Each structure stands twice: as C-alpha cells, then as structure tokens.
C-alpha atoms as a PDB file:
ATOM      1  CA  TYR A   1     126.207  44.715   4.576  1.00  0.00           C
ATOM      2  CA  LEU A   2     127.005  41.445   2.769  1.00  0.00           C
ATOM      3  CA  TRP A   3     124.949  39.510   5.294  1.00  0.00           C
ATOM      4  CA  ALA A   4     121.963  41.834   4.671  1.00  0.00           C
ATOM      5  CA  GLY A   5     122.427  41.324   0.927  1.00  0.00           C
ATOM      6  CA  GLN A   6     122.317  37.548   1.336  1.00  0.00           C
ATOM      7  CA  THR A   7     119.195  37.791   3.467  1.00  0.00           C
ATOM      8  CA  MET A   8     117.605  39.932   0.772  1.00  0.00           C
ATOM      9  CA  GLU A   9     118.543  37.434  -1.957  1.00  0.00           C
ATOM     10  CA  GLN A  10     116.838  34.709   0.081  1.00  0.00           C
ATOM     11  CA  GLY A  11     113.620  36.718  -0.031  1.00  0.00           C
ATOM     12  CA  ASP A  12     113.490  37.555   3.660  1.00  0.00           C
ATOM     13  CA  TYR A  13     112.825  41.206   2.988  1.00  0.00           C
ATOM     14  CA  PRO A  14     111.616  42.235   6.471  1.00  0.00           C
ATOM     15  CA  GLN A  15     114.798  40.859   8.078  1.00  0.00           C
ATOM     16  CA  ALA A  16     117.021  42.262   5.360  1.00  0.00           C
ATOM     17  CA  ARG A  17     115.389  45.673   5.749  1.00  0.00           C
ATOM     18  CA  GLU A  18     116.158  45.692   9.466  1.00  0.00           C
ATOM     19  CA  GLN A  19     119.771  44.767   8.743  1.00  0.00           C
ATOM     20  CA  PHE A  20     120.173  47.500   6.129  1.00  0.00           C
ATOM     21  CA  LEU A  21     118.573  50.102   8.397  1.00  0.00           C
ATOM     22  CA  ALA A  22     120.971  49.129  11.178  1.00  0.00           C
ATOM     23  CA  LEU A  23     123.849  50.062   8.870  1.00  0.00           C
ATOM     24  CA  GLY A  24     122.733  53.684   8.779  1.00  0.00           C
ATOM     25  CA  SER A  25     124.489  55.667   6.038  1.00  0.00           C
ATOM     26  CA  TYR A  26     126.867  52.879   5.037  1.00  0.00           C
ATOM     27  CA  GLN A  27     127.179  52.757   1.233  1.00  0.00           C
ATOM     28  CA  ASP A  28     123.659  52.396  -0.262  1.00  0.00           C
ATOM     29  CA  ALA A  29     122.148  50.644   2.770  1.00  0.00           C
ATOM     30  CA  SER A  30     119.290  53.155   2.931  1.00  0.00           C
ATOM     31  CA  GLU A  31     118.370  52.562  -0.727  1.00  0.00           C
ATOM     32  CA  GLN A  32     118.536  48.805  -0.208  1.00  0.00           C
ATOM     33  CA  ALA A  33     116.235  49.131   2.815  1.00  0.00           C
ATOM     34  CA  ASP A  34     113.744  50.970   0.596  1.00  0.00           C
ATOM     35  CA  GLU A  35     113.996  48.226  -2.003  1.00  0.00           C
ATOM     36  CA  CYS A  36     113.231  45.659   0.683  1.00  0.00           C
ATOM     37  CA  LEU A  37     110.147  47.669   1.644  1.00  0.00           C
ATOM     38  CA  TYR A  38     109.108  47.849  -2.018  1.00  0.00           C
ATOM     39  CA  GLN A  39     109.432  44.075  -2.356  1.00  0.00           C
ATOM     40  CA  MET A  40     107.439  43.606   0.845  1.00  0.00           C
ATOM     41  CA  GLY A  41     104.732  45.771  -0.710  1.00  0.00           C
ATOM     42  CA  MET A  42     104.793  43.707  -3.900  1.00  0.00           C
ATOM     43  CA  ASN A  43     104.516  40.465  -1.934  1.00  0.00           C
ATOM     44  CA  ALA A  44     101.548  41.845  -0.030  1.00  0.00           C
ATOM     45  CA  LEU A  45      99.947  43.089  -3.239  1.00  0.00           C
ATOM     46  CA  ASN A  46     100.442  39.780  -5.037  1.00  0.00           C
ATOM     47  CA  GLY A  47      99.405  37.876  -1.930  1.00  0.00           C
ATOM     48  CA  ASN A  48      96.008  39.554  -1.799  1.00  0.00           C
ATOM     49  CA  ASP A  49      96.745  41.594   1.302  1.00  0.00           C
ATOM     50  CA  PRO A  50      96.020  45.069  -0.065  1.00  0.00           C
ATOM     51  CA  LEU A  51      95.828  46.777   3.314  1.00  0.00           C
ATOM     52  CA  LEU A  52      99.358  45.667   4.179  1.00  0.00           C
ATOM     53  CA  ALA A  53     100.502  46.703   0.715  1.00  0.00           C
ATOM     54  CA  ILE A  54      98.948  50.130   1.282  1.00  0.00           C
ATOM     55  CA  ASP A  55     100.935  50.461   4.493  1.00  0.00           C
ATOM     56  CA  TYR A  56     104.247  49.557   2.813  1.00  0.00           C
ATOM     57  CA  PHE A  57     103.814  51.690  -0.305  1.00  0.00           C
ATOM     58  CA  THR A  58     102.638  54.621   1.797  1.00  0.00           C
ATOM     59  CA  GLN A  59     105.825  54.368   3.835  1.00  0.00           C
ATOM     60  CA  LEU A  60     107.859  54.418   0.629  1.00  0.00           C
ATOM     61  CA  GLY A  61     106.269  57.576  -0.669  1.00  0.00           C
ATOM     62  CA  PRO A  62     105.244  58.351  -4.261  1.00  0.00           C
ATOM     63  CA  ASP A  63     108.715  58.923  -5.690  1.00  0.00           C
ATOM     64  CA  TYR A  64     110.238  55.475  -5.257  1.00  0.00           C
ATOM     65  CA  ARG A  65     110.069  53.544  -8.540  1.00  0.00           C
ATOM     66  CA  ASP A  66     106.373  53.053  -9.379  1.00  0.00           C
ATOM     67  CA  SER A  67     105.224  52.941  -5.761  1.00  0.00           C
ATOM     68  CA  ASP A  68     102.595  55.619  -6.429  1.00  0.00           C
ATOM     69  CA  MET A  69     100.860  53.429  -9.014  1.00  0.00           C
ATOM     70  CA  LYS A  70     101.299  50.339  -6.821  1.00  0.00           C
ATOM     71  CA  LEU A  71      99.644  52.219  -3.974  1.00  0.00           C
ATOM     72  CA  LYS A  72      96.688  53.047  -6.208  1.00  0.00           C
ATOM     73  CA  ASN A  73      96.583  49.398  -7.266  1.00  0.00           C
ATOM     74  CA  ALA A  74      96.471  48.343  -3.614  1.00  0.00           C
ATOM     75  CA  HIS A  75      93.686  50.809  -2.843  1.00  0.00           C
ATOM     76  CA  TYR A  76      91.731  49.517  -5.833  1.00  0.00           C
ATOM     77  CA  ASN A  77      92.099  45.914  -4.641  1.00  0.00           C
ATOM     78  CA  ALA A  78      91.064  46.937  -1.138  1.00  0.00           C
ATOM     79  CA  GLY A  79      88.020  48.694  -2.574  1.00  0.00           C
ATOM     80  CA  ASP A  80      87.122  45.568  -4.499  1.00  0.00           C
ATOM     81  CA  PHE A  81      87.407  43.461  -1.342  1.00  0.00           C
ATOM     82  CA  PHE A  82      85.241  45.725   0.814  1.00  0.00           C
ATOM     83  CA  PHE A  83      82.714  46.090  -2.000  1.00  0.00           C
ATOM     84  CA  GLY A  84      82.384  42.303  -2.066  1.00  0.00           C
ATOM     85  CA  GLU A  85      81.851  42.337   1.705  1.00  0.00           C
ATOM     86  CA  GLY A  86      79.043  44.869   1.345  1.00  0.00           C
ATOM     87  CA  ASP A  87      81.000  47.600   3.132  1.00  0.00           C
ATOM     88  CA  TYR A  88      80.336  50.219   0.482  1.00  0.00           C
ATOM     89  CA  GLU A  89      81.462  53.181   2.575  1.00  0.00           C
ATOM     90  CA  THR A  90      84.960  51.769   3.089  1.00  0.00           C
ATOM     91  CA  ALA A  91      85.081  50.557  -0.511  1.00  0.00           C
ATOM     92  CA  SER A  92      84.195  54.060  -1.662  1.00  0.00           C
ATOM     93  CA  GLN A  93      87.125  55.533   0.282  1.00  0.00           C
ATOM     94  CA  HIS A  94      89.580  53.104  -1.301  1.00  0.00           C
ATOM     95  CA  PHE A  95      88.286  53.581  -4.843  1.00  0.00           C
ATOM     96  CA  LYS A  96      88.549  57.327  -4.361  1.00  0.00           C
ATOM     97  CA  ALA A  97      92.155  56.916  -3.175  1.00  0.00           C
ATOM     98  CA  ALA A  98      92.861  54.758  -6.246  1.00  0.00           C
ATOM     99  CA  GLY A  99      92.438  57.874  -8.357  1.00  0.00           C
ATOM    100  CA  ASP A 100      93.006  57.216 -12.062  1.00  0.00           C
ATOM    101  CA  TYR A 101      93.826  53.530 -11.651  1.00  0.00           C
ATOM    102  CA  GLU A 102      91.808  51.491 -14.170  1.00  0.00           C
ATOM    103  CA  ASP A 103      88.056  52.108 -13.644  1.00  0.00           C
ATOM    104  CA  ALA A 104      88.354  53.269 -10.031  1.00  0.00           C
ATOM    105  CA  HIS A 105      86.138  56.309 -10.668  1.00  0.00           C
ATOM    106  CA  ARG A 106      83.350  54.128 -12.068  1.00  0.00           C
ATOM    107  CA  ARG A 107      83.690  51.761  -9.119  1.00  0.00           C
ATOM    108  CA  PHE A 108      83.602  54.734  -6.747  1.00  0.00           C
ATOM    109  CA  ILE A 109      80.292  55.784  -8.273  1.00  0.00           C
ATOM    110  CA  GLY A 110      79.067  52.210  -8.031  1.00  0.00           C
ATOM    111  CA  CYS A 111      79.528  52.344  -4.266  1.00  0.00           C
ATOM    112  CA  ASN A 112      76.480  54.627  -4.150  1.00  0.00           C
ATOM    113  CA  TYR A 113      74.557  52.551  -6.681  1.00  0.00           C
ATOM    114  CA  ALA A 114      74.798  49.221  -4.844  1.00  0.00           C
ATOM    115  CA  PRO A 115      73.490  50.423  -1.474  1.00  0.00           C
ATOM    116  CA  ALA A 116      70.805  52.423  -3.283  1.00  0.00           C
ATOM    117  CA  LYS A 117      69.522  49.198  -4.836  1.00  0.00           C
ATOM    118  CA  GLU A 118      69.544  47.487  -1.448  1.00  0.00           C
ATOM    119  CA  LEU A 119      67.578  50.348   0.090  1.00  0.00           C
ATOM    120  CA  MET A 120      65.123  50.192  -2.776  1.00  0.00           C
ATOM    121  CA  GLU A 121      64.641  46.442  -2.327  1.00  0.00           C
ATOM    122  CA  ARG A 122      63.886  47.053   1.362  1.00  0.00           C
ATOM    123  CA  GLY A 123      61.264  49.625   0.438  1.00  0.00           C
ATOM    124  CA  GLU A 124      63.244  52.588   1.762  1.00  0.00           C
ATOM    125  CA  TYR A 125      62.466  54.634  -1.320  1.00  0.00           C
ATOM    126  CA  ALA A 126      63.340  58.099  -0.016  1.00  0.00           C
ATOM    127  CA  LEU A 127      66.845  57.041   1.038  1.00  0.00           C
ATOM    128  CA  ALA A 128      67.339  55.050  -2.153  1.00  0.00           C
ATOM    129  CA  ALA A 129      66.240  57.977  -4.317  1.00  0.00           C
ATOM    130  CA  ALA A 130      68.715  60.268  -2.571  1.00  0.00           C
ATOM    131  CA  ARG A 131      71.582  57.892  -3.367  1.00  0.00           C
ATOM    132  CA  PHE A 132      70.493  57.284  -6.959  1.00  0.00           C
ATOM    133  CA  GLU A 133      70.311  61.038  -7.448  1.00  0.00           C
ATOM    134  CA  GLU A 134      74.058  61.223  -6.770  1.00  0.00           C
ATOM    135  CA  VAL A 135      74.830  58.868  -9.684  1.00  0.00           C
ATOM    136  CA  LEU A 136      72.089  59.465 -12.256  1.00  0.00           C
ATOM    137  CA  GLY A 137      74.468  58.868 -15.155  1.00  0.00           C
ATOM    138  CA  TYR A 138      75.514  55.417 -13.904  1.00  0.00           C
ATOM    139  CA  GLU A 139      73.925  52.355 -15.550  1.00  0.00           C
ATOM    140  CA  ASP A 140      70.133  52.389 -14.923  1.00  0.00           C
ATOM    141  CA  SER A 141      70.247  54.791 -11.964  1.00  0.00           C
ATOM    142  CA  LYS A 142      67.905  57.306 -13.576  1.00  0.00           C
ATOM    143  CA  GLU A 143      65.244  54.672 -14.208  1.00  0.00           C
ATOM    144  CA  LEU A 144      65.543  53.319 -10.656  1.00  0.00           C
ATOM    145  CA  TRP A 145      65.468  56.851  -9.253  1.00  0.00           C
ATOM    146  CA  SER A 146      62.216  57.451 -11.140  1.00  0.00           C
ATOM    147  CA  GLN A 147      60.792  54.228  -9.731  1.00  0.00           C
ATOM    148  CA  CYS A 148      61.676  55.319  -6.203  1.00  0.00           C
ATOM    149  CA  ILE A 149      59.989  58.678  -6.717  1.00  0.00           C
ATOM    150  CA  TYR A 150      56.921  56.943  -8.140  1.00  0.00           C
ATOM    151  CA  LYS A 151      56.769  54.508  -5.230  1.00  0.00           C
ATOM    152  CA  GLN A 152      56.750  57.380  -2.771  1.00  0.00           C
ATOM    153  CA  GLY A 153      53.901  58.968  -4.711  1.00  0.00           C
ATOM    154  CA  GLU A 154      52.079  55.653  -4.733  1.00  0.00           C
ATOM    155  CA  GLU A 155      52.406  55.396  -0.947  1.00  0.00           C
ATOM    156  CA  LYS A 156      50.885  58.852  -0.618  1.00  0.00           C
ATOM    157  CA  MET A 157      48.016  57.814  -2.873  1.00  0.00           C
ATOM    158  CA  LEU A 158      47.285  54.751  -0.761  1.00  0.00           C
ATOM    159  CA  ALA A 159      47.145  57.031   2.268  1.00  0.00           C
ATOM    160  CA  GLY A 160      44.697  59.333   0.482  1.00  0.00           C
ATOM    161  CA  ASP A 161      47.180  62.198   0.365  1.00  0.00           C
ATOM    162  CA  TRP A 162      46.489  63.261  -3.202  1.00  0.00           C
ATOM    163  CA  ALA A 163      48.397  66.538  -3.007  1.00  0.00           C
ATOM    164  CA  GLY A 164      51.419  64.792  -1.511  1.00  0.00           C
ATOM    165  CA  ALA A 165      51.313  62.126  -4.196  1.00  0.00           C
ATOM    166  CA  LEU A 166      50.999  64.716  -6.944  1.00  0.00           C
ATOM    167  CA  ALA A 167      54.128  66.474  -5.670  1.00  0.00           C
ATOM    168  CA  PHE A 168      56.105  63.277  -6.292  1.00  0.00           C
ATOM    169  CA  PHE A 169      54.524  62.547  -9.683  1.00  0.00           C
ATOM    170  CA  ASP A 170      55.272  66.078 -10.845  1.00  0.00           C
ATOM    171  CA  ARG A 171      58.987  65.344 -10.358  1.00  0.00           C
ATOM    172  CA  ILE A 172      58.859  62.586 -12.994  1.00  0.00           C
ATOM    173  CA  PRO A 173      56.551  63.900 -15.731  1.00  0.00           C
ATOM    174  CA  ASP A 174      57.975  61.551 -18.376  1.00  0.00           C
ATOM    175  CA  TYR A 175      57.591  58.394 -16.284  1.00  0.00           C
ATOM    176  CA  PRO A 176      54.607  56.517 -17.810  1.00  0.00           C
ATOM    177  CA  ALA A 177      53.048  55.268 -14.562  1.00  0.00           C
ATOM    178  CA  ALA A 178      53.332  58.731 -13.044  1.00  0.00           C
ATOM    179  CA  GLN A 179      51.157  60.180 -15.792  1.00  0.00           C
ATOM    180  CA  ASP A 180      48.221  58.017 -14.729  1.00  0.00           C
ATOM    181  CA  GLY A 181      49.096  58.738 -11.122  1.00  0.00           C
ATOM    182  CA  ARG A 182      48.822  62.463 -11.757  1.00  0.00           C
ATOM    183  CA  ARG A 183      45.397  61.969 -13.337  1.00  0.00           C
ATOM    184  CA  GLU A 184      44.217  59.880 -10.394  1.00  0.00           C
ATOM    185  CA  CYS A 185      45.446  62.557  -8.000  1.00  0.00           C
ATOM    186  CA  THR A 186      43.219  65.022  -9.845  1.00  0.00           C
ATOM    187  CA  TYR A 187      40.290  62.626 -10.344  1.00  0.00           C
ATOM    188  CA  GLN A 188      39.880  61.746  -6.688  1.00  0.00           C
ATOM    189  CA  PRO A 189      39.711  65.367  -5.469  1.00  0.00           C
ATOM    190  CA  ALA A 190      37.175  65.983  -8.244  1.00  0.00           C
ATOM    191  CA  MET A 191      35.042  63.128  -6.859  1.00  0.00           C
ATOM    192  CA  THR A 192      35.324  64.645  -3.399  1.00  0.00           C
ATOM    193  CA  LEU A 193      34.178  68.053  -4.670  1.00  0.00           C
ATOM    194  CA  LEU A 194      31.323  66.419  -6.544  1.00  0.00           C
ATOM    195  CA  ALA A 195      30.202  64.570  -3.421  1.00  0.00           C
ATOM    196  CA  GLU A 196      30.302  67.875  -1.512  1.00  0.00           C
ATOM    197  CA  GLY A 197      28.128  69.546  -4.150  1.00  0.00           C
ATOM    198  CA  ASP A 198      30.856  71.741  -5.618  1.00  0.00           C
ATOM    199  CA  THR A 199      30.022  70.990  -9.231  1.00  0.00           C
ATOM    200  CA  ASP A 200      31.977  73.933 -10.633  1.00  0.00           C
ATOM    201  CA  GLY A 201      35.140  72.875  -8.832  1.00  0.00           C
ATOM    202  CA  ALA A 202      34.655  69.242  -9.862  1.00  0.00           C
ATOM    203  CA  LEU A 203      34.057  70.226 -13.505  1.00  0.00           C
ATOM    204  CA  GLU A 204      37.213  72.332 -13.570  1.00  0.00           C
ATOM    205  CA  LEU A 205      39.298  69.354 -12.484  1.00  0.00           C
ATOM    206  CA  LEU A 206      37.534  66.828 -14.721  1.00  0.00           C
ATOM    207  CA  LEU A 207      38.235  68.942 -17.789  1.00  0.00           C
ATOM    208  CA  THR A 208      41.981  68.589 -17.169  1.00  0.00           C
ATOM    209  CA  MET A 209      41.949  64.818 -17.715  1.00  0.00           C
ATOM    210  CA  PRO A 210      40.185  63.982 -20.972  1.00  0.00           C
ATOM    211  CA  GLY A 211      39.899  60.265 -21.623  1.00  0.00           C
ATOM    212  CA  TYR A 212      40.628  59.230 -18.035  1.00  0.00           C
ATOM    213  CA  LYS A 213      38.068  56.844 -16.534  1.00  0.00           C
ATOM    214  CA  ASP A 214      34.614  58.473 -16.750  1.00  0.00           C
ATOM    215  CA  ALA A 215      35.924  62.036 -16.571  1.00  0.00           C
ATOM    216  CA  ASP A 216      34.489  62.970 -19.999  1.00  0.00           C
ATOM    217  CA  GLU A 217      31.060  61.537 -19.191  1.00  0.00           C
ATOM    218  CA  LEU A 218      30.889  63.307 -15.826  1.00  0.00           C
ATOM    219  CA  ALA A 219      32.109  66.588 -17.322  1.00  0.00           C
ATOM    220  CA  ASN A 220      29.383  66.472 -19.981  1.00  0.00           C
ATOM    221  CA  LYS A 221      26.737  65.962 -17.298  1.00  0.00           C
ATOM    222  CA  LEU A 222      28.031  68.902 -15.259  1.00  0.00           C
ATOM    223  CA  ARG A 223      28.163  71.363 -18.150  1.00  0.00           C
END
C-alpha cells in the first residue's frame, strides 16, 4: 500500500493504479485506484488526447468527483478536433455527447452548417439545401438555403423546364432574384403560346407580370 502511494506521488498513475487494484479491499485501495484513473484522465485531457480522456472518465462513471463534467469536456475537445479535420459526422457525435458543456449545442448545429457550405460550393445544391434546412436558425443558414433553392430553379430554367423552375421559386417568394425568376417562368410559356397562335392563353399569362420586359406592350397588342 505504501509502495503504491509512493508511485502515485511520483505521478506514475497507471502503475500506481495497478498496485492499488492488486490490494483488493485493503483500506481505501479501491478509492485510490479510482483517483489514479481520474488523474490519468486529467493528464490525457490536459495533454490534448481527448479520446483517451473519454475512455478514462467513462470508466470512472459520472459520480466520481467532477468526472461527468470532465467527460463532457473531453467530448467537446474531441468534437473540436474532428471538426478541424473535416470529419463533421464524428464531430457531431462528440458535440452531442458534450451536452450542456459550453457552446456544445451550437457546435453540434454547426456540424450540419459546415458540410452544407461545402456541398453548396461544389454545386450540390439539393444536398446542401437539405442540410441547411436542418439549421435554419444558425448564422446565415436561411439565406444560404434560399440561394440553394434559387440555384436549383435556375438550373431548371437553363434546361427549359419552366414549370420545374417555378416550383423552386415558389418556395422562396421573398427572395429577390426568385421574383424575377418567377416572372421569367411565366413569360417564356407565354411566348411559346404566342408562337403557337394561342393569343388568349398568352394574354392571360402576360397580364400577370406587369412591367416585366415587354409584357405590357404585348398584352396591349393582344387585347
């Protein structure tokens, strides 16, 4: 027991823990072994090895000193590390496990935001929009979500799918660019109807977009 205590005082906590555990129920050997494990967790936490710290504090359980908070701290640090590595899925798991530690909830939300921005930059607007939609209250997510919806509408326009484009623009009625997009999605079908000789159908559409391009002039001619 004294030998284990000396080993502990020297800071060799893993060895001291083994010695205390070997003593079984002798005096407070079990409590001292737990303290060694706690100190091992602290060393790992302070030494920037959060995964090892998680292992130690998990072994201790939530009721030993402040091990529950230290465990959350370790999960937070692990989340921060994986976030920096671009592994947002793993980071998300750790920030979630960090619970109420500091701004873990905000960081957890940010794990959807960061990959959403990457998807958006790669032009994968549908996937990006789906992720932004999960965190619309975070930073500028709502604005970026609107941009992703608009971009999908714009792609439909370029393909000549006016109805498909309009379906996207209708989802963002307050987005300035979408308002012109909606008018264009009505103007082009009107031009098609006019070319086909359906003047009544063309006039009906042109009357819904006063002030857009030459819609007023054409409508006056068709009346």
